[in-house]
Amino acid sequence: MFLIDTHSHLYEPEFDADREETLARAVDAGVGKLLLPAIDSQSHERLFDLCRRHPDRCFPMMGLHPTSVNNNPHWREELHLVERLLKNPPEGVAHFCAVGEIGLDFYWSSDFRDEQTEAFRRQCLLAVEQHLPVAVHTRNAWPEMIAIIEEFRGSGLRGVFHAFSEDAATYERLKSCGDFLFGIGGVVTFKKSRLADTVREMDLADLVLETDSPYLTPAPHRGERNEPAYVEHICAKIAELQGTTPAIVAAATSANAERMFNPSKRQTNDESRNGHL
């Protein structure tokens, strides 16, 4: 099987002791590509370094995470940096496969609702301008998220709803807004997870696999650090829920990811500057 982990933070410090070994385990598990969302400037160099060392396996995104807006007086400067990097990738990074991880997160605080909303809207507009998909993070903010996505209907905004765990009605409503896929992660393997019921009703053509490693570890590894190799457990669970085989789920979700993100595309920095993505 060929698997793609469409959302991993393998560059984070949790993997400093065994990053290369973790990547090797992913390869052994059939994970041929990893898509790596950005968080903020504090972790950019770690992200870029990993992608430079494994350019045919690790593919970066660029964006400002919503929680990095919270209590950050320099968040607009961060947004300007995101825009500059998307238009002029750093040396050794061919291109970014998406604008992400962006979105809304009111779990820790709703005090920065306006700032997060402005940052999200600006990055969505940037994605449309650059003809890139978005990787959308949503936590405790689904009514606000749906309203914004519906406003963008017909604009060309497209992408993936990362760590999707809502009901079938929300899935159908978001699906009607344009070319969107839904990232299914470890939550689908949890006992009594309502996501399992939703996945039974979802079309395989709308799904991609993700780990969000080192977070949201799937069964049977709950309580441990998550890692990209564990995407195989998510694949197996989706196959069980949809009454098909892991091989079919792997082929479909990998094709979906390739279509949306085109991670292996190579371009020169001149092409990026001119907007030919």
Protein backbone atom coordinates (compact mmCIF):
# COMPACT_ATOMS: atom_id res chain seq x y z
CA MET A 1 0.00 0.00 0.00
CA PHE A 2 1.04 3.58 -0.64
CA LEU A 3 -0.14 5.98 2.07
CA ILE A 4 0.09 9.75 2.44
CA ASP A 5 0.02 11.41 5.86
CA THR A 6 -1.49 14.76 4.93
CA HIS A 7 -0.89 16.42 8.30
CA SER A 8 2.18 15.73 10.43
CA HIS A 9 4.38 17.90 12.65
CA LEU A 10 7.40 15.62 12.40
CA TYR A 11 9.68 18.66 12.68
CA GLU A 12 8.51 19.41 16.24
CA PRO A 13 10.81 18.87 19.28
CA GLU A 14 8.92 15.73 20.33
CA PHE A 15 10.83 13.95 17.53
CA ASP A 16 14.28 15.41 18.15
CA ALA A 17 15.62 12.19 19.68
CA ASP A 18 14.53 9.85 16.87
CA ARG A 19 13.24 11.83 13.87
CA GLU A 20 15.10 9.81 11.24
CA GLU A 21 14.08 6.53 12.84
CA THR A 22 10.47 7.73 12.96
CA LEU A 23 10.60 8.56 9.27
CA ALA A 24 12.09 5.14 8.53
CA ARG A 25 9.22 3.46 10.41
CA ALA A 26 6.77 5.47 8.33
CA VAL A 27 8.42 4.27 5.13
CA ASP A 28 8.27 0.68 6.38
CA ALA A 29 4.53 1.16 7.04
CA GLY A 30 3.97 2.31 3.45
CA VAL A 31 3.81 6.04 4.12
CA GLY A 32 5.48 7.42 1.03
CA LYS A 33 4.78 11.13 1.57
CA LEU A 34 4.26 13.44 4.52
CA LEU A 35 2.68 16.89 4.26
CA LEU A 36 3.95 19.22 6.96
CA PRO A 37 1.84 22.24 8.00
CA ALA A 38 3.54 25.32 9.39
CA ILE A 39 2.72 26.83 12.79
CA ASP A 40 4.59 30.14 13.05
CA SER A 41 8.06 31.63 12.64
CA GLN A 42 9.35 29.94 15.79
CA SER A 43 9.31 26.59 13.99
CA HIS A 44 9.92 27.55 10.35
CA GLU A 45 13.59 26.59 10.29
CA ARG A 46 12.88 23.14 11.76
CA LEU A 47 10.22 22.63 9.09
CA PHE A 48 12.47 23.79 6.27
CA ASP A 49 15.42 21.74 7.48
CA LEU A 50 13.42 18.51 7.46
CA CYS A 51 12.07 19.19 3.97
CA ARG A 52 15.54 20.02 2.66
CA ARG A 53 16.88 16.73 3.99
CA HIS A 54 13.99 14.70 2.54
CA PRO A 55 12.72 16.66 -0.47
CA ASP A 56 11.05 13.65 -2.09
CA ARG A 57 9.21 12.57 1.04
CA CYS A 58 8.49 15.66 3.18
CA PHE A 59 6.49 18.55 1.68
CA PRO A 60 5.94 21.85 3.51
CA MET A 61 2.94 24.12 3.87
CA MET A 62 3.13 27.74 4.93
CA GLY A 63 0.65 29.54 7.17
CA LEU A 64 -0.03 31.01 10.59
CA HIS A 65 -1.78 28.74 13.09
CA PRO A 66 -4.76 30.40 14.82
CA THR A 67 -3.42 29.89 18.33
CA SER A 68 -0.22 31.67 17.29
CA VAL A 69 -2.37 34.78 16.86
CA ASN A 70 -3.50 34.70 20.50
CA ASN A 71 -1.80 37.26 22.72
CA ASN A 72 0.75 37.92 19.99
CA PRO A 73 1.29 41.64 19.29
CA HIS A 74 3.28 40.73 16.18
CA TRP A 75 0.74 38.48 14.47
CA ARG A 76 0.31 40.81 11.49
CA GLU A 77 4.08 40.72 10.97
CA GLU A 78 3.79 36.94 10.98
CA LEU A 79 1.15 37.17 8.27
CA HIS A 80 3.41 39.35 6.16
CA LEU A 81 6.15 36.73 6.57
CA VAL A 82 3.77 34.00 5.42
CA GLU A 83 2.95 36.00 2.30
CA ARG A 84 6.61 36.68 1.53
CA LEU A 85 7.58 33.04 1.94
CA LEU A 86 4.73 31.77 -0.22
CA LYS A 87 5.81 34.08 -3.02
CA ASN A 88 9.54 33.52 -2.48
CA PRO A 89 10.26 30.11 -0.91
CA PRO A 90 13.50 29.90 1.06
CA GLU A 91 16.61 28.39 -0.47
CA GLY A 92 16.36 24.62 -0.73
CA VAL A 93 12.53 24.58 -0.56
CA ALA A 94 11.05 24.16 -4.03
CA HIS A 95 7.51 25.21 -3.21
CA PHE A 96 4.74 25.02 -0.61
CA CYS A 97 1.93 22.55 -1.23
CA ALA A 98 -0.72 24.50 0.72
CA VAL A 99 -1.51 27.49 2.90
CA GLY A 100 -1.70 25.94 6.32
CA GLU A 101 -2.22 25.34 9.06
CA ILE A 102 -4.77 28.13 9.28
CA GLY A 103 -8.21 28.46 10.84
CA LEU A 104 -10.08 29.28 14.02
CA ASP A 105 -9.49 27.91 17.53
CA PHE A 106 -11.50 29.27 20.45
CA TYR A 107 -10.77 26.32 22.75
CA TRP A 108 -8.15 28.05 24.89
CA SER A 109 -9.62 31.54 24.63
CA SER A 110 -12.22 33.46 22.65
CA ASP A 111 -10.60 36.78 23.53
CA PHE A 112 -8.81 36.86 20.17
CA ARG A 113 -11.78 35.93 18.02
CA ASP A 114 -11.55 39.04 15.84
CA GLU A 115 -7.80 38.72 15.32
CA GLN A 116 -8.03 35.03 14.41
CA THR A 117 -10.90 35.74 12.02
CA GLU A 118 -8.93 38.48 10.27
CA ALA A 119 -5.85 36.25 10.00
CA PHE A 120 -7.90 33.37 8.62
CA ARG A 121 -9.69 35.50 6.03
CA ARG A 122 -6.44 37.07 4.84
CA GLN A 123 -4.79 33.68 4.42
CA CYS A 124 -7.80 32.30 2.55
CA LEU A 125 -7.57 35.22 0.15
CA LEU A 126 -3.85 34.60 -0.22
CA ALA A 127 -4.50 30.94 -1.02
CA VAL A 128 -6.99 31.89 -3.73
CA GLU A 129 -4.53 34.42 -5.16
CA GLN A 130 -1.69 31.87 -5.19
CA HIS A 131 -3.91 29.02 -6.49
CA LEU A 132 -3.07 26.88 -3.46
CA PRO A 133 -5.30 24.72 -1.26
CA VAL A 134 -5.75 25.46 2.43
CA ALA A 135 -5.34 23.16 5.45
CA VAL A 136 -8.04 24.32 7.86
CA HIS A 137 -7.90 23.90 11.63
CA THR A 138 -11.18 24.32 13.53
CA ARG A 139 -11.70 23.86 17.26
CA ASN A 140 -14.68 25.14 19.25
CA ALA A 141 -15.47 27.42 16.30
CA TRP A 142 -17.54 25.46 13.80
CA PRO A 143 -20.46 27.94 13.43
CA GLU A 144 -17.98 30.74 12.70
CA MET A 145 -15.95 28.55 10.36
CA ILE A 146 -18.95 27.40 8.34
CA ALA A 147 -20.14 30.99 7.94
CA ILE A 148 -16.76 32.09 6.53
CA ILE A 149 -16.42 29.11 4.20
CA GLU A 150 -19.91 29.76 2.85
CA GLU A 151 -18.93 33.37 2.17
CA PHE A 152 -16.05 32.09 0.05
CA ARG A 153 -18.29 29.84 -2.06
CA GLY A 154 -17.48 30.37 -5.73
CA SER A 155 -14.18 32.16 -5.01
CA GLY A 156 -11.95 29.21 -5.85
CA LEU A 157 -11.10 28.50 -2.23
CA ARG A 158 -10.38 24.78 -1.84
CA GLY A 159 -8.57 22.50 0.56
CA VAL A 160 -8.87 20.12 3.49
CA PHE A 161 -10.68 20.37 6.80
CA HIS A 162 -7.97 19.01 9.07
CA ALA A 163 -8.93 16.68 11.95
CA PHE A 164 -12.56 16.63 10.86
CA SER A 165 -14.76 15.09 13.56
CA GLU A 166 -18.18 16.65 13.05
CA ASP A 167 -21.49 15.06 12.02
CA ALA A 168 -22.72 14.10 8.57
CA ALA A 169 -24.86 17.24 8.25
CA THR A 170 -21.77 19.43 8.71
CA TYR A 171 -19.88 17.32 6.19
CA GLU A 172 -22.62 17.77 3.59
CA ARG A 173 -22.89 21.50 4.24
CA LEU A 174 -19.14 22.06 3.85
CA LYS A 175 -18.96 19.77 0.83
CA SER A 176 -21.51 21.97 -0.93
CA CYS A 177 -19.19 24.99 -0.60
CA GLY A 178 -16.63 23.85 -3.16
CA ASP A 179 -13.68 21.54 -3.69
CA PHE A 180 -13.02 20.38 -0.13
CA LEU A 181 -11.67 17.18 1.36
CA PHE A 182 -11.85 15.98 4.95
CA GLY A 183 -8.82 14.89 6.95
CA ILE A 184 -9.57 11.81 9.04
CA GLY A 185 -7.19 11.08 11.89
CA GLY A 186 -6.82 9.06 15.06
CA VAL A 187 -10.15 10.17 16.54
CA VAL A 188 -11.95 7.75 14.21
CA THR A 189 -10.35 4.84 16.10
CA PHE A 190 -11.49 5.99 19.56
CA LYS A 191 -14.17 4.00 21.33
CA LYS A 192 -17.58 5.71 21.18
CA SER A 193 -16.27 8.22 18.66
CA ARG A 194 -19.13 9.91 16.80
CA LEU A 195 -16.73 10.37 13.91
CA ALA A 196 -17.04 6.67 13.16
CA ASP A 197 -20.73 7.15 12.44
CA THR A 198 -19.96 10.11 10.19
CA VAL A 199 -17.29 8.24 8.23
CA ARG A 200 -19.79 5.49 7.42
CA GLU A 201 -21.81 8.11 5.53
CA MET A 202 -18.90 9.88 3.81
CA ASP A 203 -17.78 9.31 0.26
CA LEU A 204 -14.28 7.84 0.00
CA ALA A 205 -13.58 10.39 -2.74
CA ASP A 206 -13.83 13.11 -0.07
CA LEU A 207 -11.33 11.69 2.42
CA VAL A 208 -7.62 12.00 3.11
CA LEU A 209 -5.62 10.38 5.91
CA GLU A 210 -3.64 12.23 8.56
CA THR A 211 -2.00 11.68 11.92
CA ASP A 212 -1.46 15.22 13.27
CA SER A 213 1.56 13.62 14.92
CA PRO A 214 2.69 13.92 17.64
CA TYR A 215 -0.94 14.52 18.68
CA LEU A 216 -4.24 12.56 18.49
CA THR A 217 -2.66 9.11 18.63
CA PRO A 218 -4.94 6.37 17.25
CA ALA A 219 -5.77 3.07 18.89
CA PRO A 220 -4.01 0.78 19.65
CA HIS A 221 -1.31 3.32 20.58
CA ARG A 222 -3.37 5.79 22.62
CA GLY A 223 -1.33 7.30 25.41
CA GLU A 224 1.84 7.20 23.32
CA ARG A 225 3.35 9.85 21.08
CA ASN A 226 1.71 9.75 17.67
CA GLU A 227 3.84 9.26 14.55
CA PRO A 228 3.28 9.03 10.78
CA ALA A 229 3.54 5.23 10.65
CA TYR A 230 0.30 5.04 12.61
CA VAL A 231 -1.67 6.33 9.64
CA GLU A 232 -2.03 2.67 8.71
CA HIS A 233 -4.35 2.17 11.71
CA ILE A 234 -6.55 5.03 10.53
CA CYS A 235 -6.65 3.53 7.06
CA ALA A 236 -7.68 0.15 8.46
CA LYS A 237 -10.44 1.66 10.59
CA ILE A 238 -11.92 3.59 7.67
CA ALA A 239 -11.89 0.39 5.60
CA GLU A 240 -13.76 -1.41 8.38
CA LEU A 241 -16.36 1.37 8.65
CA GLN A 242 -16.91 1.54 4.89
CA GLY A 243 -16.95 -2.21 4.33
CA THR A 244 -13.95 -2.28 2.04
CA THR A 245 -10.25 -3.09 2.20
CA PRO A 246 -7.32 -1.01 3.49
CA ALA A 247 -5.74 -1.22 0.03
CA ILE A 248 -8.77 0.43 -1.55
CA VAL A 249 -8.84 3.16 1.12
CA ALA A 250 -5.09 3.75 0.73
CA ALA A 251 -5.35 4.07 -3.05
CA ALA A 252 -8.35 6.40 -2.94
CA THR A 253 -7.12 8.70 -0.18
CA SER A 254 -3.63 8.95 -1.66
CA ALA A 255 -5.10 9.86 -5.04
CA ASN A 256 -7.27 12.48 -3.33
CA ALA A 257 -4.24 13.97 -1.60
CA GLU A 258 -2.18 14.02 -4.79
CA ARG A 259 -4.98 15.76 -6.66
CA MET A 260 -5.53 18.42 -3.99
CA PHE A 261 -1.95 19.15 -2.90
CA ASN A 262 0.18 18.00 -5.85
CA PRO A 263 3.04 17.65 -3.34
CA SER A 264 5.68 16.36 -5.75
CA LYS A 265 5.37 19.33 -8.07
CA ARG A 266 8.64 21.16 -8.55
CA GLN A 267 9.00 24.79 -9.50
CA THR A 268 11.67 27.45 -9.48
CA ASN A 269 11.54 30.45 -7.20
CA ASP A 270 11.06 32.61 -10.31
CA GLU A 271 7.89 30.70 -11.15
CA SER A 272 6.64 31.17 -7.58
CA ARG A 273 7.31 34.91 -7.69
CA ASN A 274 5.29 35.19 -10.87
CA GLY A 275 2.39 33.26 -9.38
CA HIS A 276 2.60 30.29 -11.74
CA LEU A 277 1.77 27.58 -9.23
